[in-house]
């Protein structure tokens, strides 16, 4: 058969299917036990998506469909590998990794967040990363202490 009728992979098509790696934080990968389970679940989901995409017969389409799952697979494999599971805080006297802290703001709002690892942080769901500016200021503080975040002052009202 003449090469003119063969579907060849072009360098352009190959480069289109290579996604850059997701950035890995330079901070230690501290996680709660639930955070490690979530990372393991996401790794398994990325593996399954990759396996499903590998069943596509057309090589160009297979590369397009595996690009995202392969990137996620590399990311979650690294995050599971480097995860350092932190025990629950020994006491609720001071704010630590894994603590749930409630504080009041100058404007009268009261907020409660659990301090967790970077991958499990979700402020809308009530958790913030231990490397976030607010968490860094709160760590090591006790009930009644006040920290300044920009022009705002936060007073710790409860730790659990």
N, C-alpha and C. Protein backbone atom coordinates (compact mmCIF):
# COMPACT_ATOMS: atom_id res chain seq x y z
N UNK A 1 0.85 -1.19 0.00
CA UNK A 1 0.00 0.00 0.00
C UNK A 1 0.89 1.23 0.00
N UNK A 2 0.49 2.22 -0.72
CA UNK A 2 1.26 3.45 -0.82
C UNK A 2 1.17 4.24 0.48
N UNK A 3 2.30 4.88 0.83
CA UNK A 3 2.33 5.68 2.04
C UNK A 3 1.40 6.88 1.94
N UNK A 4 1.03 7.27 0.78
CA UNK A 4 0.14 8.40 0.60
C UNK A 4 -1.23 8.14 1.22
N UNK A 5 -1.59 6.87 1.34
CA UNK A 5 -2.89 6.53 1.89
C UNK A 5 -2.82 6.08 3.36
N UNK A 6 -1.64 6.12 3.93
CA UNK A 6 -1.47 5.72 5.33
C UNK A 6 -1.66 6.93 6.23
N UNK A 7 -2.32 6.71 7.34
CA UNK A 7 -2.52 7.78 8.30
C UNK A 7 -1.29 7.83 9.20
N UNK A 8 -0.50 8.87 9.04
CA UNK A 8 0.72 8.98 9.82
C UNK A 8 0.53 9.96 10.97
N UNK A 9 1.24 9.68 12.04
CA UNK A 9 1.26 10.55 13.20
C UNK A 9 2.17 11.72 12.88
N UNK A 10 1.71 12.91 13.08
CA UNK A 10 2.57 14.07 12.86
C UNK A 10 3.19 14.50 14.18
N UNK A 11 4.28 15.18 14.11
CA UNK A 11 4.93 15.70 15.33
C UNK A 11 4.00 16.68 16.03
N UNK A 12 3.23 17.43 15.24
CA UNK A 12 2.28 18.38 15.81
C UNK A 12 1.22 17.67 16.64
N UNK A 13 0.66 16.60 16.09
CA UNK A 13 -0.39 15.86 16.80
C UNK A 13 0.16 15.25 18.07
N UNK A 14 1.38 14.75 18.03
CA UNK A 14 1.99 14.16 19.23
C UNK A 14 2.21 15.20 20.30
N UNK A 15 2.69 16.39 19.92
CA UNK A 15 2.96 17.42 20.92
C UNK A 15 1.67 17.98 21.52
N UNK A 16 0.57 17.92 20.77
CA UNK A 16 -0.71 18.41 21.27
C UNK A 16 -1.22 17.54 22.41
N UNK A 17 -0.78 16.29 22.46
CA UNK A 17 -1.30 15.37 23.47
C UNK A 17 -0.41 15.30 24.70
N UNK A 18 0.68 16.04 24.73
CA UNK A 18 1.57 16.07 25.90
C UNK A 18 1.18 17.25 26.78
N UNK A 19 0.59 16.97 27.92
CA UNK A 19 0.22 18.04 28.84
C UNK A 19 1.34 18.25 29.85
N UNK A 20 1.57 19.49 30.24
CA UNK A 20 2.61 19.73 31.25
C UNK A 20 2.18 19.13 32.58
N UNK A 21 3.15 18.72 33.38
CA UNK A 21 2.85 18.15 34.69
C UNK A 21 2.18 19.18 35.58
N UNK A 22 1.32 18.68 36.47
CA UNK A 22 0.72 19.56 37.47
C UNK A 22 1.83 19.97 38.43
N UNK A 23 1.84 21.23 38.85
CA UNK A 23 2.92 21.67 39.75
C UNK A 23 2.85 20.96 41.10
N UNK A 24 4.01 20.58 41.60
CA UNK A 24 4.12 19.93 42.91
C UNK A 24 4.63 20.99 43.88
N UNK A 25 3.96 21.13 44.99
CA UNK A 25 4.33 22.12 45.99
C UNK A 25 5.72 21.83 46.56
N UNK A 26 6.48 22.87 46.86
CA UNK A 26 7.79 22.67 47.48
C UNK A 26 7.69 22.36 48.98
N UNK A 27 6.50 22.52 49.56
CA UNK A 27 6.31 22.29 50.99
C UNK A 27 6.18 20.79 51.28
N UNK A 28 6.51 20.38 52.51
CA UNK A 28 6.30 18.97 52.86
C UNK A 28 4.85 18.59 52.62
N UNK A 29 4.63 17.36 52.16
CA UNK A 29 3.29 16.89 51.82
C UNK A 29 2.61 16.29 53.05
N UNK A 30 2.26 17.15 54.00
CA UNK A 30 1.58 16.71 55.21
C UNK A 30 0.11 16.44 54.88
N UNK A 31 -0.41 15.32 55.39
CA UNK A 31 -1.80 14.95 55.13
C UNK A 31 -2.42 14.37 56.39
N UNK A 32 -3.72 14.46 56.47
CA UNK A 32 -4.47 13.76 57.51
C UNK A 32 -4.69 12.33 57.00
N UNK A 33 -5.09 11.40 57.86
CA UNK A 33 -5.41 10.05 57.37
C UNK A 33 -6.48 10.08 56.27
N UNK A 34 -7.49 10.93 56.43
CA UNK A 34 -8.54 11.05 55.40
C UNK A 34 -7.96 11.64 54.12
N UNK A 35 -7.00 12.55 54.23
CA UNK A 35 -6.37 13.15 53.07
C UNK A 35 -5.58 12.12 52.27
N UNK A 36 -4.90 11.21 52.98
CA UNK A 36 -4.16 10.15 52.28
C UNK A 36 -5.13 9.23 51.54
N UNK A 37 -6.25 8.89 52.17
CA UNK A 37 -7.24 8.04 51.50
C UNK A 37 -7.79 8.72 50.25
N UNK A 38 -8.02 10.02 50.34
CA UNK A 38 -8.52 10.77 49.19
C UNK A 38 -7.49 10.76 48.05
N UNK A 39 -6.21 10.93 48.39
CA UNK A 39 -5.16 10.88 47.37
C UNK A 39 -5.11 9.50 46.72
N UNK A 40 -5.22 8.46 47.53
CA UNK A 40 -5.20 7.09 46.99
C UNK A 40 -6.40 6.83 46.08
N UNK A 41 -7.55 7.37 46.45
CA UNK A 41 -8.75 7.23 45.62
C UNK A 41 -8.56 7.96 44.29
N UNK A 42 -8.02 9.17 44.34
CA UNK A 42 -7.79 9.93 43.11
C UNK A 42 -6.75 9.24 42.23
N UNK A 43 -5.75 8.61 42.83
CA UNK A 43 -4.76 7.86 42.07
C UNK A 43 -5.42 6.67 41.37
N UNK A 44 -6.27 5.96 42.08
CA UNK A 44 -6.98 4.82 41.49
C UNK A 44 -7.90 5.27 40.35
N UNK A 45 -8.56 6.41 40.53
CA UNK A 45 -9.44 6.93 39.48
C UNK A 45 -8.63 7.32 38.24
N UNK A 46 -7.46 7.91 38.44
CA UNK A 46 -6.60 8.29 37.31
C UNK A 46 -6.12 7.04 36.58
N UNK A 47 -5.77 5.99 37.34
CA UNK A 47 -5.36 4.71 36.72
C UNK A 47 -6.48 4.13 35.88
N UNK A 48 -7.69 4.12 36.44
CA UNK A 48 -8.85 3.57 35.73
C UNK A 48 -9.15 4.37 34.46
N UNK A 49 -9.07 5.68 34.54
CA UNK A 49 -9.32 6.53 33.37
C UNK A 49 -8.26 6.29 32.30
N UNK A 50 -7.04 6.08 32.73
CA UNK A 50 -5.94 5.81 31.78
C UNK A 50 -6.17 4.46 31.09
N UNK A 51 -6.54 3.45 31.87
CA UNK A 51 -6.80 2.13 31.29
C UNK A 51 -7.97 2.17 30.32
N UNK A 52 -9.00 2.92 30.67
CA UNK A 52 -10.16 3.03 29.78
C UNK A 52 -9.78 3.73 28.48
N UNK A 53 -8.96 4.77 28.58
CA UNK A 53 -8.55 5.51 27.37
C UNK A 53 -7.62 4.66 26.49
N UNK A 54 -6.89 3.75 27.08
CA UNK A 54 -5.97 2.91 26.32
C UNK A 54 -6.68 1.88 25.45
N UNK A 55 -7.98 1.74 25.61
CA UNK A 55 -8.74 0.79 24.78
C UNK A 55 -9.16 1.40 23.44
N UNK A 56 -8.98 2.71 23.30
CA UNK A 56 -9.33 3.39 22.04
C UNK A 56 -8.37 2.91 20.95
N UNK A 57 -8.92 2.54 19.81
CA UNK A 57 -8.09 1.98 18.74
C UNK A 57 -7.27 3.03 17.99
N UNK A 58 -7.84 4.17 17.68
CA UNK A 58 -7.12 5.20 16.94
C UNK A 58 -6.03 5.79 17.83
N UNK A 59 -4.78 5.71 17.39
CA UNK A 59 -3.65 6.13 18.22
C UNK A 59 -3.70 7.61 18.58
N UNK A 60 -4.10 8.47 17.65
CA UNK A 60 -4.17 9.89 17.94
C UNK A 60 -5.25 10.19 18.98
N UNK A 61 -6.40 9.55 18.82
CA UNK A 61 -7.49 9.74 19.78
C UNK A 61 -7.10 9.17 21.14
N UNK A 62 -6.41 8.03 21.14
CA UNK A 62 -5.96 7.42 22.40
C UNK A 62 -5.01 8.37 23.12
N UNK A 63 -4.11 8.98 22.39
CA UNK A 63 -3.17 9.92 23.02
C UNK A 63 -3.90 11.13 23.59
N UNK A 64 -4.88 11.61 22.86
CA UNK A 64 -5.66 12.75 23.37
C UNK A 64 -6.41 12.37 24.65
N UNK A 65 -7.02 11.19 24.64
CA UNK A 65 -7.82 10.78 25.80
C UNK A 65 -6.98 10.36 27.00
N UNK A 66 -5.75 9.94 26.78
CA UNK A 66 -4.91 9.54 27.92
C UNK A 66 -4.09 10.69 28.48
N UNK A 67 -4.01 11.81 27.78
CA UNK A 67 -3.16 12.93 28.22
C UNK A 67 -3.50 13.41 29.63
N UNK A 68 -4.77 13.69 29.88
CA UNK A 68 -5.19 14.17 31.20
C UNK A 68 -5.00 13.12 32.28
N UNK A 69 -5.51 11.89 32.07
CA UNK A 69 -5.32 10.86 33.09
C UNK A 69 -3.85 10.53 33.37
N UNK A 70 -3.00 10.56 32.34
CA UNK A 70 -1.57 10.30 32.57
C UNK A 70 -0.94 11.39 33.43
N UNK A 71 -1.33 12.64 33.16
CA UNK A 71 -0.81 13.75 33.97
C UNK A 71 -1.28 13.59 35.42
N UNK A 72 -2.56 13.27 35.61
CA UNK A 72 -3.09 13.06 36.96
C UNK A 72 -2.42 11.87 37.64
N UNK A 73 -2.18 10.82 36.88
CA UNK A 73 -1.53 9.62 37.41
C UNK A 73 -0.14 9.97 37.95
N UNK A 74 0.63 10.73 37.19
CA UNK A 74 1.97 11.13 37.64
C UNK A 74 1.88 11.99 38.91
N UNK A 75 0.92 12.92 38.92
CA UNK A 75 0.78 13.83 40.06
C UNK A 75 0.38 13.06 41.33
N UNK A 76 -0.69 12.27 41.23
CA UNK A 76 -1.18 11.59 42.43
C UNK A 76 -0.22 10.49 42.90
N UNK A 77 0.49 9.86 41.99
CA UNK A 77 1.50 8.86 42.40
C UNK A 77 2.58 9.55 43.23
N UNK A 78 3.01 10.72 42.80
CA UNK A 78 4.03 11.47 43.54
C UNK A 78 3.49 11.93 44.89
N UNK A 79 2.26 12.42 44.91
CA UNK A 79 1.67 12.91 46.17
C UNK A 79 1.45 11.78 47.18
N UNK A 80 1.03 10.61 46.71
CA UNK A 80 0.87 9.46 47.62
C UNK A 80 2.24 9.03 48.13
N UNK A 81 3.22 9.00 47.23
CA UNK A 81 4.58 8.57 47.59
C UNK A 81 5.21 9.48 48.64
N UNK A 82 4.97 10.79 48.55
CA UNK A 82 5.61 11.75 49.46
C UNK A 82 4.74 12.12 50.66
N UNK A 83 3.55 11.54 50.75
CA UNK A 83 2.62 11.90 51.84
C UNK A 83 3.20 11.54 53.20
N UNK A 84 3.07 12.48 54.12
CA UNK A 84 3.48 12.27 55.51
C UNK A 84 2.22 12.40 56.36
N UNK A 85 1.70 11.26 56.79
CA UNK A 85 0.45 11.27 57.57
C UNK A 85 0.75 11.83 58.95
N UNK A 86 0.00 12.84 59.30
CA UNK A 86 0.16 13.50 60.60
C UNK A 86 -0.89 12.97 61.57
N UNK A 87 -0.49 12.69 62.79
CA UNK A 87 -1.48 12.23 63.78
C UNK A 87 -2.41 13.37 64.17
N UNK A 88 -3.55 13.02 64.74
CA UNK A 88 -4.45 14.05 65.24
C UNK A 88 -3.72 14.83 66.32
N UNK A 89 -4.07 16.11 66.47
CA UNK A 89 -3.39 16.93 67.49
C UNK A 89 -3.52 16.30 68.87
N UNK A 90 -2.43 16.35 69.65
CA UNK A 90 -2.40 15.76 70.98
C UNK A 90 -3.29 16.51 71.96
N UNK A 91 -3.43 17.82 71.75
CA UNK A 91 -4.29 18.60 72.65
C UNK A 91 -4.98 19.69 71.86
N UNK A 92 -5.97 20.28 72.49
CA UNK A 92 -6.67 21.38 71.84
C UNK A 92 -6.33 22.70 72.53
N UNK A 93 -5.16 22.74 73.15
CA UNK A 93 -4.71 23.95 73.82
C UNK A 93 -4.18 24.98 72.82
N UNK A 94 -3.49 24.49 71.78
CA UNK A 94 -2.96 25.39 70.76
C UNK A 94 -3.34 24.85 69.38
N UNK A 95 -3.36 25.73 68.40
CA UNK A 95 -3.70 25.36 67.03
C UNK A 95 -2.53 24.58 66.43
N UNK A 96 -2.85 23.42 65.83
CA UNK A 96 -1.84 22.58 65.20
C UNK A 96 -2.43 21.99 63.93
N UNK A 97 -1.59 21.30 63.16
CA UNK A 97 -2.07 20.62 61.96
C UNK A 97 -3.16 19.63 62.38
N UNK A 98 -4.29 19.69 61.70
CA UNK A 98 -5.43 18.82 62.02
C UNK A 98 -6.43 19.44 62.97
N UNK A 99 -6.08 20.57 63.57
CA UNK A 99 -7.00 21.25 64.49
C UNK A 99 -8.13 21.92 63.72
N UNK A 100 -9.26 22.02 64.39
CA UNK A 100 -10.36 22.83 63.89
C UNK A 100 -10.37 24.07 64.76
N UNK A 101 -10.24 25.22 64.14
CA UNK A 101 -10.14 26.46 64.88
C UNK A 101 -11.26 27.41 64.48
N UNK A 102 -11.85 28.03 65.48
CA UNK A 102 -12.90 29.02 65.26
C UNK A 102 -12.34 30.37 65.68
N UNK A 103 -12.56 31.38 64.84
CA UNK A 103 -12.08 32.71 65.18
C UNK A 103 -13.13 33.73 64.76
N UNK A 104 -13.08 34.88 65.44
CA UNK A 104 -13.99 35.97 65.08
C UNK A 104 -13.17 37.07 64.44
N UNK A 105 -13.80 37.72 63.47
CA UNK A 105 -13.16 38.81 62.73
C UNK A 105 -13.62 40.15 63.28
N UNK A 106 -12.90 41.20 62.91
CA UNK A 106 -13.26 42.56 63.31
C UNK A 106 -14.67 42.93 62.87
N UNK A 107 -15.08 42.43 61.70
CA UNK A 107 -16.38 42.80 61.16
C UNK A 107 -17.53 42.00 61.77
N UNK A 108 -17.24 41.18 62.78
CA UNK A 108 -18.29 40.43 63.48
C UNK A 108 -18.51 39.02 62.97
N UNK A 109 -17.92 38.67 61.83
CA UNK A 109 -18.08 37.31 61.31
C UNK A 109 -17.30 36.31 62.16
N UNK A 110 -17.86 35.13 62.29
CA UNK A 110 -17.17 34.04 62.96
C UNK A 110 -16.96 32.95 61.91
N UNK A 111 -15.73 32.43 61.84
CA UNK A 111 -15.42 31.39 60.87
C UNK A 111 -14.73 30.22 61.56
N UNK A 112 -14.97 29.04 61.02
CA UNK A 112 -14.35 27.83 61.54
C UNK A 112 -13.71 27.08 60.39
N UNK A 113 -12.44 26.72 60.57
CA UNK A 113 -11.70 25.96 59.56
C UNK A 113 -10.89 24.86 60.22
N UNK A 114 -10.73 23.78 59.49
CA UNK A 114 -9.83 22.71 59.91
C UNK A 114 -8.54 22.90 59.11
N UNK A 115 -7.41 22.78 59.77
CA UNK A 115 -6.12 22.97 59.10
C UNK A 115 -5.63 21.60 58.62
N UNK A 116 -5.49 21.48 57.29
CA UNK A 116 -5.19 20.20 56.65
C UNK A 116 -4.07 20.37 55.60
N UNK A 117 -3.78 19.29 54.88
CA UNK A 117 -2.78 19.31 53.82
C UNK A 117 -3.25 20.09 52.61
N UNK A 118 -2.31 20.41 51.73
CA UNK A 118 -2.62 21.23 50.56
C UNK A 118 -3.64 20.60 49.62
N UNK A 119 -3.53 19.31 49.37
CA UNK A 119 -4.43 18.65 48.42
C UNK A 119 -5.84 18.48 48.97
N UNK A 120 -5.99 18.47 50.28
CA UNK A 120 -7.33 18.27 50.86
C UNK A 120 -7.99 19.57 51.29
N UNK A 121 -7.31 20.70 51.14
CA UNK A 121 -7.87 21.98 51.53
C UNK A 121 -9.02 22.38 50.60
N UNK A 122 -10.10 22.84 51.22
CA UNK A 122 -11.27 23.32 50.48
C UNK A 122 -11.98 24.34 51.37
N UNK A 123 -11.62 25.62 51.25
CA UNK A 123 -12.19 26.64 52.13
C UNK A 123 -13.72 26.66 52.15
N UNK A 124 -14.36 26.38 51.00
CA UNK A 124 -15.82 26.37 50.97
C UNK A 124 -16.39 25.26 51.84
N UNK A 125 -15.62 24.19 52.01
CA UNK A 125 -16.07 23.06 52.82
C UNK A 125 -15.52 23.15 54.25
N UNK A 126 -14.82 24.23 54.57
CA UNK A 126 -14.37 24.43 55.95
C UNK A 126 -12.98 23.90 56.26
N UNK A 127 -12.12 23.79 55.26
CA UNK A 127 -10.74 23.37 55.53
C UNK A 127 -9.77 24.26 54.76
N UNK A 128 -8.64 24.58 55.41
CA UNK A 128 -7.62 25.38 54.76
C UNK A 128 -6.27 24.68 54.87
N UNK A 129 -5.40 24.97 53.93
CA UNK A 129 -4.07 24.37 53.90
C UNK A 129 -3.20 24.92 55.03
N UNK A 130 -2.37 24.05 55.56
CA UNK A 130 -1.47 24.47 56.64
C UNK A 130 -0.44 25.51 56.17
N UNK A 131 -0.26 25.66 54.85
CA UNK A 131 0.67 26.67 54.34
C UNK A 131 -0.03 27.97 53.95
N UNK A 132 -1.34 28.04 54.13
CA UNK A 132 -2.06 29.28 53.83
C UNK A 132 -1.65 30.36 54.84
N UNK A 133 -1.71 31.62 54.44
CA UNK A 133 -1.31 32.70 55.35
C UNK A 133 -2.07 32.69 56.67
N UNK A 134 -3.38 32.45 56.64
CA UNK A 134 -4.17 32.44 57.87
C UNK A 134 -3.74 31.29 58.76
N UNK A 135 -3.58 30.10 58.21
CA UNK A 135 -3.18 28.93 59.01
C UNK A 135 -1.80 29.15 59.63
N UNK A 136 -0.89 29.71 58.85
CA UNK A 136 0.46 29.95 59.39
C UNK A 136 0.43 30.88 60.59
N UNK A 137 -0.44 31.90 60.53
CA UNK A 137 -0.56 32.83 61.65
C UNK A 137 -1.21 32.18 62.86
N UNK A 138 -2.15 31.27 62.63
CA UNK A 138 -2.89 30.65 63.73
C UNK A 138 -2.11 29.54 64.44
N UNK A 139 -1.22 28.87 63.70
CA UNK A 139 -0.50 27.72 64.27
C UNK A 139 0.26 28.13 65.53
N UNK A 140 0.10 27.32 66.57
CA UNK A 140 0.80 27.56 67.83
C UNK A 140 0.10 28.54 68.76
N UNK A 141 -0.98 29.13 68.31
CA UNK A 141 -1.71 30.11 69.13
C UNK A 141 -2.79 29.41 69.97
N UNK A 142 -3.23 30.08 71.03
CA UNK A 142 -4.23 29.52 71.93
C UNK A 142 -5.50 30.36 71.91
N UNK A 143 -6.56 29.83 72.52
CA UNK A 143 -7.83 30.55 72.61
C UNK A 143 -7.59 31.90 73.29
N UNK A 144 -8.19 32.95 72.70
CA UNK A 144 -8.05 34.30 73.24
C UNK A 144 -6.95 35.11 72.58
N UNK A 145 -6.03 34.44 71.88
CA UNK A 145 -4.96 35.18 71.21
C UNK A 145 -5.50 35.83 69.94
N UNK A 146 -4.88 36.94 69.57
CA UNK A 146 -5.29 37.70 68.40
C UNK A 146 -4.13 37.74 67.40
N UNK A 147 -4.46 37.51 66.13
CA UNK A 147 -3.46 37.62 65.06
C UNK A 147 -3.97 38.64 64.04
N UNK A 148 -3.03 39.29 63.35
CA UNK A 148 -3.40 40.28 62.34
C UNK A 148 -3.17 39.71 60.95
N UNK A 149 -4.20 39.84 60.13
CA UNK A 149 -4.13 39.44 58.72
C UNK A 149 -4.45 40.70 57.93
N UNK A 150 -3.42 41.32 57.39
CA UNK A 150 -3.63 42.59 56.71
C UNK A 150 -4.17 43.60 57.70
N UNK A 151 -5.29 44.21 57.37
CA UNK A 151 -5.91 45.20 58.27
C UNK A 151 -6.87 44.55 59.24
N UNK A 152 -7.13 43.26 59.10
CA UNK A 152 -8.08 42.54 59.96
C UNK A 152 -7.38 41.90 61.16
N UNK A 153 -8.11 41.81 62.25
CA UNK A 153 -7.63 41.07 63.41
C UNK A 153 -8.55 39.88 63.61
N UNK A 154 -7.95 38.72 63.89
CA UNK A 154 -8.71 37.50 64.14
C UNK A 154 -8.46 37.07 65.58
N UNK A 155 -9.54 36.84 66.32
CA UNK A 155 -9.39 36.36 67.69
C UNK A 155 -9.84 34.91 67.75
N UNK A 156 -8.96 34.06 68.24
CA UNK A 156 -9.27 32.62 68.34
C UNK A 156 -10.27 32.44 69.48
N UNK A 157 -11.41 31.82 69.15
CA UNK A 157 -12.45 31.62 70.17
C UNK A 157 -12.61 30.16 70.57
N UNK A 158 -12.15 29.22 69.73
CA UNK A 158 -12.26 27.80 70.08
C UNK A 158 -11.27 26.99 69.25
N UNK A 159 -10.78 25.90 69.86
CA UNK A 159 -9.88 24.96 69.16
C UNK A 159 -10.37 23.56 69.51
N UNK A 160 -10.53 22.73 68.49
CA UNK A 160 -10.90 21.34 68.77
C UNK A 160 -10.16 20.41 67.85
